[in-house]
Amino acid sequence: MAAELTAPALIARHRPTLDRALETIRTRAYWSPHPEHPKAYGADGSLDAAAGKAAFDALLGTRLDLGQPGTDDWVGGEVSPYGIELGVTYPHADPDVLLPAMRAGQRAWRDAGPELRAAVCLEILKRISDRTHEFAHAVMHTSGQAFMMAFQAGGPHAQDRGLEAVAYAYAEQVRTPESAEWTKPQGKRDPLALTKHFTPVPRGIGLVIGCNTFPTWNGYPGLFASLATGNAVLVKPHPRAVLPLALTVRIAREVLAEAGFDANLAALAAERPGEGIAKTLATRPEVRIVDYTGSTAFGDWLEANARQAQVYTEKAGVNTVVVESTDDYRGMLANLAFSLSLYSGQMCTTPQNLLIPRDGIRTEQGPKTYEEVTADLARAVDALLGDDARAAALLGAIVNPDVRARLEAAAGLGELALASREVTHPDFPDAVVRTPVIVKLDGAKPDDEAVWTSECFGPVSFAVAVDSADHAVELLRRSVREKGAMTVGAYTTDEEVERAVREVCLEEAAQLSLNLTGGVYVNQTAAFSDFHGSGGNPAANAALCDAAFVANRFRVVEVRREARG
């Protein structure tokens, strides 16, 4: 074991960060140990902008050998949404060899205990953080996120979510003491006395099934929750977004080995084109935990078929904003415009449906008709994205052909309040960059309802005319209950309307944002404070992150014996 990675040294190095994280999940205050600004990097061994870009460039066209057992092929094929062929190849594993090797290291990892496991996880996160610039390029060129979003969401924000999961995992494991002396009085007889020892034990191998749009942000919570609770973790990335998670696994394997543990506690499962190994792996008897982000259809399949595993899914929903009244009309429009535009709407939290009374809304500027609201929102989006360079920096690139097809088909779904336009990226002319489209629909028409009640992932939103605030609340309730929602927003100055919307969200378990007009947006959440999803409606069966997300990744086994005087 390297001297600098002894157990006491690791704990001494990372215990203050763990303690701060534990305090922050209790208070729900703002805190992050991972800097959001690119210029904060370059000291203390971290990569600055130039070194991070050079490290990413050096990966292109290489073989990323992780030293895993069971490698029977090399696979790749990632093409950046910005038009670059990455050319990186990854190990393809034989699960009959790899999975037993992963299980072999779990005993020592279990016996290490919650504190040392947390410290090892925090060392992995620290090394990832030091390479945030490199990871930013890897996320950008696999997800299509613009660089700053890839830097922040794929870097510090993802790292925060990983640390948050470690903190929750530690807190739940130490909730039960390691040992207890149990004495039961027996009246005149000698009391019954037992010595009891309690050990958190892992379920088995955790499988993380990655997504294309947010490989690290959505991947790190499950990865670190499982690892911190004593499980080995197999990461199956999305075929178009392998690199960020492959780098993560490589760093994890290095740290585990340096700390004296089996490197195979973390492994990668890259796949051949069209192979579809997620179903095979998810139903293996060795896999006891599955974390998944992606389509509802496959999430439902996992929940129904991976019966041997505890399955955590973040699927899809129909996110809704009720627009009833506002005392900051310009602020509301600007906030909505940004929310609809960020990363071309390719976020599971982006608003899709705007429920607007057909008779209009009240504002501090006087009444605004439905037509005025939709037209003003379209102008706000145009103003935000009028400059191509600014637009490209906010929109990023369309991640795959399916999103582009949905965008192009949206023009035929109804009357357009805002048409999409092509944007030329200043640095990547082959990137597919499109501004959002807003379609006007009628909430009272069944044909229109069939459109807006279905998820349309990407830069497509529907301005749905409703009969009244009560009608909006009714449609909100129905859509959350039947389709699910990761986010709900509302703009209202009416206490009764606010109360009704809030009650719907409490009853249907949907996270609500009220009257956002500044620099906080409905599609953004902060680690340690905000819950991403609730686990209580069809959009997801888990929340990132709460105690329920970690507590069933381990069980407590008791050993008791009679106490001897």
Protein backbone atom coordinates (compact mmCIF):
# COMPACT_ATOMS: atom_id res chain seq x y z
CA MET A 1 0.00 0.00 0.00
CA ALA A 2 1.37 3.41 -0.93
CA ALA A 3 2.25 5.34 2.22
CA GLU A 4 0.14 8.33 1.26
CA LEU A 5 -2.96 6.12 0.86
CA THR A 6 -2.91 4.35 4.18
CA ALA A 7 -6.27 4.22 5.93
CA PRO A 8 -5.33 6.81 8.60
CA ALA A 9 -3.95 9.20 5.95
CA LEU A 10 -7.03 8.87 3.74
CA ILE A 11 -9.39 9.44 6.64
CA ALA A 12 -7.39 12.41 7.93
CA ARG A 13 -7.35 13.94 4.45
CA HIS A 14 -11.05 13.58 3.68
CA ARG A 15 -12.86 13.48 7.02
CA PRO A 16 -13.30 17.29 7.13
CA THR A 17 -14.97 17.23 3.69
CA LEU A 18 -17.21 14.35 4.73
CA ASP A 19 -18.19 16.15 7.92
CA ARG A 20 -19.05 19.30 6.00
CA ALA A 21 -21.15 17.28 3.55
CA LEU A 22 -22.98 15.59 6.42
CA GLU A 23 -23.76 18.95 7.97
CA THR A 24 -24.93 20.41 4.66
CA ILE A 25 -27.39 17.62 3.86
CA ARG A 26 -28.85 18.31 7.30
CA THR A 27 -29.14 22.09 6.89
CA ARG A 28 -29.84 22.08 3.10
CA ALA A 29 -27.65 25.21 2.81
CA TYR A 30 -25.39 26.09 -0.13
CA TRP A 31 -21.93 24.51 -0.17
CA SER A 32 -19.61 22.93 -2.68
CA PRO A 33 -15.95 21.88 -2.41
CA HIS A 34 -15.69 21.78 -6.21
CA PRO A 35 -15.06 25.16 -7.91
CA GLU A 36 -17.46 26.11 -10.71
CA HIS A 37 -15.14 28.58 -12.43
CA PRO A 38 -12.58 27.26 -14.95
CA LYS A 39 -9.89 29.67 -13.71
CA ALA A 40 -9.97 28.06 -10.26
CA TYR A 41 -8.00 25.11 -11.62
CA GLY A 42 -4.29 24.81 -12.27
CA ALA A 43 -2.86 24.80 -8.75
CA ASP A 44 -2.22 21.92 -6.34
CA GLY A 45 -1.80 19.42 -9.14
CA SER A 46 -5.09 20.12 -10.92
CA LEU A 47 -5.21 20.62 -14.68
CA ASP A 48 -5.72 24.13 -15.98
CA ALA A 49 -7.61 24.87 -19.21
CA ALA A 50 -4.67 24.24 -21.55
CA ALA A 51 -3.51 21.09 -19.78
CA GLY A 52 -7.07 19.72 -19.65
CA LYS A 53 -7.58 20.28 -23.36
CA ALA A 54 -4.20 18.67 -24.09
CA ALA A 55 -5.09 15.66 -21.94
CA PHE A 56 -8.38 15.23 -23.81
CA ASP A 57 -6.69 15.58 -27.20
CA ALA A 58 -4.12 12.96 -26.18
CA LEU A 59 -6.95 10.47 -25.61
CA LEU A 60 -8.29 10.73 -29.16
CA GLY A 61 -7.54 7.69 -31.29
CA THR A 62 -6.13 5.69 -28.36
CA ARG A 63 -6.97 2.43 -26.63
CA LEU A 64 -8.11 2.98 -23.04
CA ASP A 65 -6.79 -0.15 -21.38
CA LEU A 66 -8.15 -0.53 -17.84
CA GLY A 67 -6.38 -3.79 -17.07
CA GLN A 68 -9.70 -5.54 -16.45
CA PRO A 69 -9.98 -9.34 -16.47
CA GLY A 70 -12.13 -10.97 -19.10
CA THR A 71 -11.38 -8.52 -21.92
CA ASP A 72 -12.23 -10.30 -25.16
CA ASP A 73 -12.45 -7.42 -27.64
CA TRP A 74 -11.97 -3.68 -28.10
CA VAL A 75 -14.95 -1.52 -28.99
CA GLY A 76 -15.64 2.15 -29.68
CA GLY A 77 -17.18 4.37 -32.30
CA GLU A 78 -18.11 7.57 -30.46
CA VAL A 79 -18.68 10.59 -32.69
CA SER A 80 -18.97 14.00 -31.09
CA PRO A 81 -22.20 15.92 -31.73
CA TYR A 82 -19.76 18.65 -32.77
CA GLY A 83 -18.50 16.50 -35.65
CA ILE A 84 -15.32 14.97 -34.24
CA GLU A 85 -14.66 11.22 -34.34
CA LEU A 86 -13.17 10.39 -30.94
CA GLY A 87 -11.58 7.15 -32.08
CA VAL A 88 -11.16 5.84 -28.52
CA THR A 89 -11.54 2.11 -27.98
CA TYR A 90 -12.51 0.43 -24.72
CA PRO A 91 -12.35 -3.10 -23.28
CA HIS A 92 -15.27 -5.37 -24.04
CA ALA A 93 -15.69 -7.79 -21.17
CA ASP A 94 -16.81 -11.38 -20.89
CA PRO A 95 -19.20 -11.15 -17.92
CA ASP A 96 -18.55 -14.77 -16.97
CA VAL A 97 -14.97 -13.73 -16.20
CA LEU A 98 -15.37 -10.14 -15.07
CA LEU A 99 -18.27 -10.51 -12.63
CA PRO A 100 -16.66 -13.23 -10.49
CA ALA A 101 -13.46 -11.17 -10.39
CA MET A 102 -15.45 -8.18 -9.16
CA ARG A 103 -17.07 -10.21 -6.39
CA ALA A 104 -13.71 -11.47 -5.17
CA GLY A 105 -12.74 -8.09 -3.76
CA GLN A 106 -15.94 -7.36 -1.87
CA ARG A 107 -14.99 -9.05 1.42
CA ALA A 108 -12.04 -6.75 2.10
CA TRP A 109 -14.06 -3.77 0.90
CA ARG A 110 -16.91 -4.74 3.25
CA ASP A 111 -14.55 -5.17 6.17
CA ALA A 112 -12.99 -1.75 5.57
CA GLY A 113 -16.05 -0.14 7.14
CA PRO A 114 -18.11 2.93 6.23
CA GLU A 115 -15.54 5.58 7.15
CA LEU A 116 -12.64 4.21 5.13
CA ARG A 117 -14.91 3.44 2.18
CA ALA A 118 -16.15 7.04 2.25
CA ALA A 119 -12.58 8.32 2.37
CA VAL A 120 -11.59 6.21 -0.64
CA CYS A 121 -14.62 7.50 -2.55
CA LEU A 122 -13.69 11.07 -1.69
CA GLU A 123 -10.14 10.46 -2.92
CA ILE A 124 -11.60 9.25 -6.23
CA LEU A 125 -13.75 12.38 -6.44
CA LYS A 126 -10.77 14.60 -5.60
CA ARG A 127 -8.73 13.14 -8.45
CA ILE A 128 -11.67 13.54 -10.82
CA SER A 129 -12.04 17.14 -9.67
CA ASP A 130 -8.37 17.82 -10.39
CA ARG A 131 -9.05 16.77 -14.00
CA THR A 132 -12.27 18.72 -14.41
CA HIS A 133 -11.04 20.49 -17.56
CA GLU A 134 -10.28 17.13 -19.20
CA PHE A 135 -13.66 15.75 -18.16
CA ALA A 136 -15.40 18.87 -19.49
CA HIS A 137 -14.15 18.17 -23.01
CA ALA A 138 -15.05 14.49 -22.67
CA VAL A 139 -18.60 15.38 -21.59
CA MET A 140 -18.95 18.09 -24.23
CA HIS A 141 -17.91 15.81 -27.08
CA THR A 142 -20.14 12.92 -26.04
CA SER A 143 -23.27 14.75 -24.86
CA GLY A 144 -23.35 17.83 -27.06
CA GLN A 145 -23.43 20.15 -24.07
CA ALA A 146 -21.79 23.52 -24.63
CA PHE A 147 -18.39 23.77 -23.00
CA MET A 148 -19.37 25.79 -19.92
CA MET A 149 -22.33 23.55 -19.20
CA ALA A 150 -20.17 20.46 -19.73
CA PHE A 151 -17.58 21.97 -17.40
CA GLN A 152 -20.04 22.79 -14.63
CA ALA A 153 -22.73 20.11 -14.92
CA GLY A 154 -20.32 17.39 -16.01
CA GLY A 155 -17.66 18.50 -13.53
CA PRO A 156 -18.30 20.16 -10.16
CA HIS A 157 -22.06 19.62 -10.14
CA ALA A 158 -21.64 15.91 -10.93
CA GLN A 159 -18.88 15.64 -8.34
CA ASP A 160 -21.17 17.31 -5.79
CA ARG A 161 -23.88 14.73 -6.52
CA GLY A 162 -21.34 11.94 -6.03
CA LEU A 163 -20.19 13.41 -2.72
CA GLU A 164 -23.79 13.88 -1.64
CA ALA A 165 -24.43 10.18 -2.24
CA VAL A 166 -21.35 9.25 -0.20
CA ALA A 167 -22.54 11.44 2.68
CA TYR A 168 -26.01 9.87 2.70
CA ALA A 169 -24.48 6.40 2.44
CA TYR A 170 -22.16 7.02 5.38
CA ALA A 171 -24.95 8.50 7.51
CA GLU A 172 -27.24 5.52 6.95
CA GLN A 173 -24.53 2.94 7.62
CA VAL A 174 -23.47 4.45 10.95
CA ARG A 175 -27.05 4.98 12.10
CA THR A 176 -26.78 1.52 13.70
CA PRO A 177 -23.89 1.23 16.19
CA GLU A 178 -21.10 -1.26 15.59
CA SER A 179 -21.86 -3.03 18.86
CA ALA A 180 -24.23 -2.97 21.80
CA GLU A 181 -24.52 -4.56 25.22
CA TRP A 182 -28.07 -5.81 25.68
CA THR A 183 -29.45 -6.64 29.12
CA LYS A 184 -33.00 -7.73 29.93
CA PRO A 185 -34.02 -7.83 33.61
CA GLN A 186 -35.46 -11.15 34.82
CA GLY A 187 -36.80 -10.16 38.22
CA LYS A 188 -35.21 -12.36 40.88
CA ARG A 189 -33.28 -14.33 38.30
CA ASP A 190 -30.04 -13.19 36.69
CA PRO A 191 -30.68 -10.82 33.78
CA LEU A 192 -30.33 -11.99 30.22
CA ALA A 193 -27.22 -10.42 28.72
CA LEU A 194 -26.04 -10.43 25.14
CA THR A 195 -23.22 -8.77 23.24
CA LYS A 196 -24.36 -7.77 19.76
CA HIS A 197 -22.28 -6.73 16.74
CA PHE A 198 -23.80 -5.08 13.66
CA THR A 199 -22.15 -4.97 10.25
CA PRO A 200 -23.40 -3.22 7.10
CA VAL A 201 -23.01 -5.74 4.29
CA PRO A 202 -23.29 -5.07 0.55
CA ARG A 203 -26.01 -6.50 -1.63
CA GLY A 204 -23.66 -7.51 -4.44
CA ILE A 205 -22.58 -5.88 -7.67
CA GLY A 206 -24.15 -2.55 -8.59
CA LEU A 207 -24.78 -1.92 -12.28
CA VAL A 208 -24.84 1.70 -13.46
CA ILE A 209 -26.48 2.11 -16.87
CA GLY A 210 -25.34 5.49 -18.16
CA CYS A 211 -27.20 8.01 -20.29
CA ASN A 212 -26.11 9.99 -23.33
CA THR A 213 -26.99 13.50 -22.15
CA PHE A 214 -25.52 13.62 -18.62
CA PRO A 215 -23.10 10.71 -18.27
CA THR A 216 -21.39 11.93 -15.08
CA TRP A 217 -24.17 13.98 -13.46
CA ASN A 218 -26.63 11.11 -13.69
CA GLY A 219 -24.02 8.37 -13.29
CA TYR A 220 -22.15 9.48 -10.19
CA PRO A 221 -24.96 9.24 -7.59
CA GLY A 222 -25.56 5.54 -8.14
CA LEU A 223 -21.90 4.75 -8.70
CA PHE A 224 -20.73 6.33 -5.45
CA ALA A 225 -23.78 5.28 -3.42
CA SER A 226 -23.10 1.65 -4.27
CA LEU A 227 -19.34 1.85 -3.82
CA ALA A 228 -19.63 3.64 -0.46
CA THR A 229 -22.00 0.97 0.84
CA GLY A 230 -19.54 -1.81 0.09
CA ASN A 231 -20.69 -2.99 -3.34
CA ALA A 232 -18.55 -3.47 -6.40
CA VAL A 233 -19.74 -1.32 -9.32
CA LEU A 234 -19.96 -2.20 -13.00
CA VAL A 235 -20.49 0.83 -15.24
CA LYS A 236 -22.29 0.26 -18.55
CA PRO A 237 -22.08 3.61 -20.40
CA HIS A 238 -24.34 4.73 -23.20
CA PRO A 239 -22.58 3.76 -26.47
CA ARG A 240 -22.41 7.41 -27.54
CA ALA A 241 -21.05 8.63 -24.18
CA VAL A 242 -18.45 6.15 -22.98
CA LEU A 243 -15.39 8.34 -22.46
CA PRO A 244 -16.40 10.33 -19.33
CA LEU A 245 -17.41 7.19 -17.44
CA ALA A 246 -14.42 5.20 -18.71
CA LEU A 247 -12.11 7.89 -17.32
CA THR A 248 -14.05 7.74 -14.05
CA VAL A 249 -13.62 3.98 -13.80
CA ARG A 250 -9.91 4.25 -14.59
CA ILE A 251 -9.39 6.74 -11.76
CA ALA A 252 -11.48 4.64 -9.37
CA ARG A 253 -9.44 1.53 -10.16
CA GLU A 254 -6.19 3.42 -9.58
CA VAL A 255 -7.30 4.75 -6.19
CA LEU A 256 -8.69 1.42 -5.03
CA ALA A 257 -5.44 -0.36 -5.90
CA GLU A 258 -3.29 2.31 -4.25
CA ALA A 259 -5.42 2.04 -1.10
CA GLY A 260 -4.82 -1.71 -0.94
CA PHE A 261 -8.15 -2.89 -2.35
CA ASP A 262 -9.01 -4.90 -5.43
CA ALA A 263 -9.15 -2.63 -8.49
CA ASN A 264 -11.90 -4.83 -9.90
CA LEU A 265 -14.35 -3.30 -7.42
CA ALA A 266 -14.88 -0.81 -10.25
CA ALA A 267 -15.11 -1.95 -13.85
CA LEU A 268 -16.39 -0.88 -17.26
CA ALA A 269 -18.78 -2.72 -19.58
CA ALA A 270 -18.51 -1.13 -23.01
CA GLU A 271 -20.52 -2.74 -25.78
CA ARG A 272 -20.37 -3.49 -29.47
CA PRO A 273 -22.72 -1.54 -31.77
CA GLY A 274 -26.27 -2.81 -31.31
CA GLU A 275 -25.24 -5.41 -28.75
CA GLY A 276 -27.66 -4.25 -26.05
CA ILE A 277 -25.80 -5.79 -23.11
CA ALA A 278 -27.73 -3.79 -20.51
CA LYS A 279 -30.56 -6.36 -20.45
CA THR A 280 -28.12 -9.24 -20.10
CA LEU A 281 -26.14 -7.62 -17.31
CA ALA A 282 -29.19 -6.29 -15.44
CA THR A 283 -30.60 -9.80 -15.03
CA ARG A 284 -27.37 -11.54 -14.02
CA PRO A 285 -27.64 -13.11 -10.55
CA GLU A 286 -24.45 -11.34 -9.42
CA VAL A 287 -26.01 -7.92 -10.10
CA ARG A 288 -28.06 -6.89 -7.08
CA ILE A 289 -28.42 -3.14 -7.70
CA VAL A 290 -29.28 -1.33 -10.94
CA ASP A 291 -29.13 2.43 -11.49
CA TYR A 292 -30.64 3.65 -14.73
CA THR A 293 -31.36 6.96 -16.44
CA GLY A 294 -33.14 6.98 -19.79
CA SER A 295 -36.35 6.11 -21.58
CA THR A 296 -39.52 5.09 -19.80
CA ALA A 297 -39.83 1.93 -21.90
CA PHE A 298 -36.49 0.48 -20.81
CA GLY A 299 -36.88 1.74 -17.25
CA ASP A 300 -40.21 -0.09 -17.01
CA TRP A 301 -38.55 -3.20 -18.45
CA LEU A 302 -35.83 -3.08 -15.80
CA GLU A 303 -38.34 -2.66 -12.99
CA ALA A 304 -40.32 -5.65 -14.27
CA ASN A 305 -37.47 -7.99 -15.19
CA ALA A 306 -34.42 -7.29 -13.01
CA ARG A 307 -36.24 -9.00 -10.15
CA GLN A 308 -33.08 -10.11 -8.35
CA ALA A 309 -31.91 -6.49 -8.02
CA GLN A 310 -32.90 -3.30 -6.27
CA VAL A 311 -33.65 -1.05 -9.27
CA TYR A 312 -33.40 2.75 -9.19
CA THR A 313 -34.76 4.48 -12.28
CA GLU A 314 -34.96 8.01 -13.55
CA LYS A 315 -37.16 7.78 -16.62
CA ALA A 316 -39.18 10.42 -18.42
CA GLY A 317 -41.98 12.76 -17.53
CA VAL A 318 -43.99 15.67 -18.85
CA ASN A 319 -42.77 18.76 -17.05
CA THR A 320 -45.34 21.51 -16.70
CA VAL A 321 -45.45 25.21 -15.84
CA VAL A 322 -48.72 26.87 -14.83
CA VAL A 323 -48.76 30.53 -15.92
CA GLU A 324 -51.64 32.26 -14.13
CA SER A 325 -50.33 35.70 -13.09
CA THR A 326 -47.08 37.46 -12.26
CA ASP A 327 -45.79 40.68 -10.72
CA ASP A 328 -42.62 40.56 -12.86
CA TYR A 329 -43.67 39.91 -16.43
CA ARG A 330 -40.29 40.59 -18.05
CA GLY A 331 -38.50 38.50 -15.41
CA MET A 332 -40.91 35.62 -15.95
CA LEU A 333 -40.42 35.70 -19.72
CA ALA A 334 -36.63 35.87 -19.41
CA ASN A 335 -36.56 33.01 -16.93
CA LEU A 336 -38.79 30.81 -19.08
CA ALA A 337 -36.84 31.65 -22.23
CA PHE A 338 -33.60 30.53 -20.61
CA SER A 339 -35.21 27.38 -19.19
CA LEU A 340 -36.57 26.37 -22.60
CA SER A 341 -33.26 27.09 -24.36
CA LEU A 342 -30.64 25.64 -22.02
CA TYR A 343 -28.89 22.67 -23.68
CA SER A 344 -31.56 22.68 -26.39
CA GLY A 345 -34.13 21.35 -23.94
CA GLN A 346 -32.25 18.05 -23.70
CA MET A 347 -32.70 17.83 -19.94
CA CYS A 348 -35.15 15.65 -18.05
CA THR A 349 -36.07 18.78 -16.07
CA THR A 350 -36.82 21.13 -18.99
CA PRO A 351 -40.40 22.47 -19.06
CA GLN A 352 -42.46 21.05 -21.89
CA ASN A 353 -46.00 22.31 -21.26
CA LEU A 354 -46.94 25.89 -20.42
CA LEU A 355 -50.55 25.99 -19.23
CA ILE A 356 -51.88 29.50 -19.93
CA PRO A 357 -55.51 30.65 -19.47
CA ARG A 358 -57.05 31.40 -22.87
CA ASP A 359 -58.50 34.62 -21.41
CA GLY A 360 -55.02 35.77 -20.47
CA ILE A 361 -53.07 36.49 -17.28
CA ARG A 362 -52.68 39.37 -14.84
CA THR A 363 -49.34 41.19 -14.70
CA GLU A 364 -47.93 44.36 -13.17
CA GLN A 365 -48.08 45.77 -16.74
CA GLY A 366 -51.80 45.08 -16.93
CA PRO A 367 -53.67 42.12 -18.47
CA LYS A 368 -51.93 40.04 -21.13
CA THR A 369 -53.88 37.81 -23.48
CA TYR A 370 -52.87 34.26 -24.29
CA GLU A 371 -51.73 35.48 -27.71
CA GLU A 372 -49.66 38.24 -26.15
CA VAL A 373 -48.00 35.90 -23.66
CA THR A 374 -47.02 33.38 -26.31
CA ALA A 375 -45.79 36.10 -28.68
CA ASP A 376 -43.81 37.83 -25.93
CA LEU A 377 -42.24 34.55 -24.85
CA ALA A 378 -41.22 33.86 -28.45
CA ARG A 379 -39.61 37.32 -28.62
CA ALA A 380 -37.79 36.66 -25.33
CA VAL A 381 -36.32 33.45 -26.75
CA ASP A 382 -35.34 35.26 -29.95
CA ALA A 383 -33.68 38.04 -27.95
CA LEU A 384 -31.77 35.52 -25.84
CA LEU A 385 -30.56 33.56 -28.87
CA GLY A 386 -30.30 36.32 -31.46
CA ASP A 387 -26.49 36.24 -31.57
CA ASP A 388 -25.20 32.95 -32.98
CA ALA A 389 -22.13 32.75 -30.75
CA ARG A 390 -24.22 33.35 -27.63
CA ALA A 391 -26.85 30.92 -28.87
CA ALA A 392 -24.29 28.16 -29.47
CA ALA A 393 -22.84 28.65 -26.00
CA LEU A 394 -26.28 28.19 -24.47
CA LEU A 395 -27.85 25.60 -26.76
CA GLY A 396 -24.96 23.21 -27.28
CA ALA A 397 -25.52 20.65 -30.04
CA ILE A 398 -28.41 18.30 -30.77
CA VAL A 399 -27.31 15.04 -29.15
CA ASN A 400 -28.75 12.51 -31.61
CA PRO A 401 -30.89 12.18 -34.76
CA ASP A 402 -34.02 11.28 -32.77
CA VAL A 403 -34.06 14.67 -31.05
CA ARG A 404 -33.56 16.41 -34.38
CA ALA A 405 -36.42 14.43 -35.92
CA ARG A 406 -38.79 15.39 -33.08
CA LEU A 407 -37.83 19.02 -33.47
CA GLU A 408 -38.46 18.99 -37.21
CA ALA A 409 -41.79 17.20 -36.79
CA ALA A 410 -43.02 19.68 -34.19
CA ALA A 411 -43.91 22.28 -36.83
CA GLY A 412 -46.73 20.01 -37.96
CA LEU A 413 -48.26 19.57 -34.51
CA GLY A 414 -50.03 22.92 -34.31
CA GLU A 415 -49.76 26.66 -34.89
CA LEU A 416 -46.23 27.90 -34.26
CA ALA A 417 -45.64 30.66 -31.72
CA LEU A 418 -41.91 30.31 -32.39
CA ALA A 419 -40.21 28.52 -35.27
CA SER A 420 -36.82 26.89 -34.86
CA ARG A 421 -33.82 28.16 -36.80
CA GLU A 422 -30.40 26.80 -37.60
CA VAL A 423 -27.42 28.24 -35.77
CA THR A 424 -23.88 28.07 -37.13
CA HIS A 425 -21.44 27.12 -34.41
CA PRO A 426 -18.39 29.42 -34.54
CA ASP A 427 -15.91 26.64 -33.74
CA PHE A 428 -17.63 23.47 -34.97
CA PRO A 429 -19.37 24.02 -38.32
CA ASP A 430 -20.56 20.40 -38.47
CA ALA A 431 -22.50 20.67 -35.21
CA VAL A 432 -26.30 20.51 -35.44
CA VAL A 433 -27.48 23.52 -33.45
CA ARG A 434 -31.14 24.54 -33.42
CA THR A 435 -33.17 27.07 -31.47
CA PRO A 436 -36.34 25.92 -29.65
CA VAL A 437 -39.80 25.68 -31.15
CA ILE A 438 -42.98 26.67 -29.30
CA VAL A 439 -46.27 25.19 -30.52
CA LYS A 440 -49.69 26.55 -29.57
CA LEU A 441 -52.25 23.93 -28.56
CA ASP A 442 -55.72 23.88 -27.03
CA GLY A 443 -56.11 22.11 -23.69
CA ALA A 444 -59.77 21.41 -24.40
CA LYS A 445 -59.18 19.49 -27.65
CA PRO A 446 -58.58 15.72 -27.37
CA ASP A 447 -56.33 15.66 -30.45
CA ASP A 448 -54.12 18.35 -28.95
CA GLU A 449 -54.13 16.61 -25.58
CA ALA A 450 -52.67 13.49 -27.18
CA VAL A 451 -49.73 15.66 -28.27
CA TRP A 452 -48.89 17.58 -25.12
CA THR A 453 -49.43 14.69 -22.72
CA SER A 454 -46.67 12.71 -24.47
CA GLU A 455 -43.04 13.48 -23.74
CA CYS A 456 -41.27 15.28 -26.59
CA PHE A 457 -37.66 15.28 -25.43
CA GLY A 458 -35.64 18.13 -26.90
CA PRO A 459 -36.17 21.81 -27.77
CA VAL A 460 -39.95 21.53 -28.19
CA SER A 461 -42.49 23.20 -25.89
CA PHE A 462 -46.25 23.53 -26.01
CA ALA A 463 -48.18 26.66 -25.02
CA VAL A 464 -51.45 25.06 -23.99
CA ALA A 465 -54.53 27.30 -23.79
CA VAL A 466 -56.68 26.32 -20.80
CA ASP A 467 -60.13 27.46 -19.68
CA SER A 468 -59.11 28.77 -16.26
CA ALA A 469 -56.68 28.42 -13.39
CA ASP A 470 -58.80 25.56 -12.06
CA HIS A 471 -58.56 23.86 -15.44
CA ALA A 472 -54.78 24.30 -15.39
CA VAL A 473 -54.55 22.72 -11.94
CA GLU A 474 -56.75 19.83 -13.06
CA LEU A 475 -54.57 19.19 -16.13
CA LEU A 476 -51.43 19.51 -14.04
CA ARG A 477 -52.67 16.89 -11.60
CA ARG A 478 -53.67 14.49 -14.36
CA SER A 479 -50.42 14.81 -16.29
CA VAL A 480 -48.23 14.31 -13.21
CA ARG A 481 -50.26 11.34 -12.03
CA GLU A 482 -50.39 9.63 -15.41
CA LYS A 483 -47.12 10.68 -17.06
CA GLY A 484 -44.96 11.88 -14.20
CA ALA A 485 -42.88 15.02 -13.89
CA MET A 486 -39.34 15.71 -12.75
CA THR A 487 -40.21 19.39 -12.30
CA VAL A 488 -43.26 21.61 -11.98
CA GLY A 489 -43.27 25.39 -12.16
CA ALA A 490 -45.93 27.97 -11.45
CA TYR A 491 -46.34 31.71 -11.82
CA THR A 492 -49.13 33.17 -9.75
CA THR A 493 -49.83 36.09 -7.43
CA ASP A 494 -53.04 34.48 -6.23
CA GLU A 495 -52.78 32.70 -2.88
CA GLU A 496 -55.58 30.28 -3.72
CA VAL A 497 -53.99 29.27 -7.01
CA GLU A 498 -50.62 28.84 -5.32
CA ARG A 499 -52.23 26.72 -2.63
CA ALA A 500 -53.95 24.54 -5.24
CA VAL A 501 -50.77 24.00 -7.26
CA ARG A 502 -48.80 23.25 -4.12
CA GLU A 503 -51.41 20.74 -3.00
CA VAL A 504 -51.25 18.93 -6.36
CA CYS A 505 -47.47 18.68 -6.08
CA LEU A 506 -47.64 17.39 -2.52
CA GLU A 507 -50.27 14.80 -3.39
CA GLU A 508 -48.58 13.68 -6.61
CA ALA A 509 -45.01 13.98 -5.28
CA ALA A 510 -43.63 16.49 -7.78
CA GLN A 511 -40.91 19.05 -7.08
CA LEU A 512 -42.29 22.58 -7.41
CA SER A 513 -40.63 25.92 -8.23
CA LEU A 514 -42.72 29.06 -7.68
CA ASN A 515 -42.39 32.44 -9.41
CA LEU A 516 -38.78 32.12 -10.58
CA THR A 517 -37.79 35.39 -12.26
CA GLY A 518 -34.06 35.66 -11.49
CA GLY A 519 -30.98 33.52 -11.95
CA VAL A 520 -32.43 30.25 -10.64
CA TYR A 521 -34.26 28.09 -13.19
CA VAL A 522 -36.79 25.31 -12.88
CA ASN A 523 -34.54 22.84 -14.71
CA GLN A 524 -31.56 23.27 -12.38
CA THR A 525 -31.04 21.66 -8.97
CA ALA A 526 -28.28 22.08 -6.39
CA ALA A 527 -26.66 19.10 -4.69
CA PHE A 528 -26.92 18.87 -0.89
CA SER A 529 -30.05 21.05 -0.98
CA ASP A 530 -32.44 20.26 -3.84
CA PHE A 531 -33.93 16.85 -4.52
CA HIS A 532 -33.74 15.79 -8.15
CA GLY A 533 -36.98 13.92 -8.73
CA SER A 534 -39.03 12.59 -5.87
CA GLY A 535 -39.46 8.88 -6.55
CA GLY A 536 -43.18 9.38 -6.02
CA ASN A 537 -44.55 9.77 -9.54
CA PRO A 538 -44.03 7.87 -12.81
CA ALA A 539 -41.03 9.97 -13.91
CA ALA A 540 -38.69 8.27 -11.43
CA ASN A 541 -38.77 5.75 -8.63
CA ALA A 542 -35.91 7.41 -6.75
CA ALA A 543 -34.72 10.85 -5.73
CA LEU A 544 -31.19 12.20 -6.04
CA CYS A 545 -30.36 12.13 -3.30
CA ASP A 546 -32.12 11.06 -0.13
CA ALA A 547 -31.78 8.33 2.48
CA ALA A 548 -34.01 5.99 0.49
CA PHE A 549 -31.57 6.20 -2.43
CA VAL A 550 -28.77 4.63 -0.38
CA ALA A 551 -30.34 2.67 2.48
CA ASN A 552 -31.35 -0.40 0.50
CA ARG A 553 -27.94 -0.83 -1.12
CA PHE A 554 -26.77 -2.59 2.03
CA ARG A 555 -28.27 -4.67 4.81
CA VAL A 556 -27.23 -4.90 8.46
CA VAL A 557 -26.19 -8.33 9.68
CA GLU A 558 -26.16 -9.01 13.39
CA VAL A 559 -23.92 -11.41 15.30
CA ARG A 560 -24.92 -11.91 18.94
CA ARG A 561 -23.58 -13.97 21.76
CA GLU A 562 -24.16 -14.36 25.45
CA ALA A 563 -22.22 -11.86 27.49
CA ARG A 564 -19.76 -13.46 29.87
CA GLY A 565 -19.04 -11.84 33.15
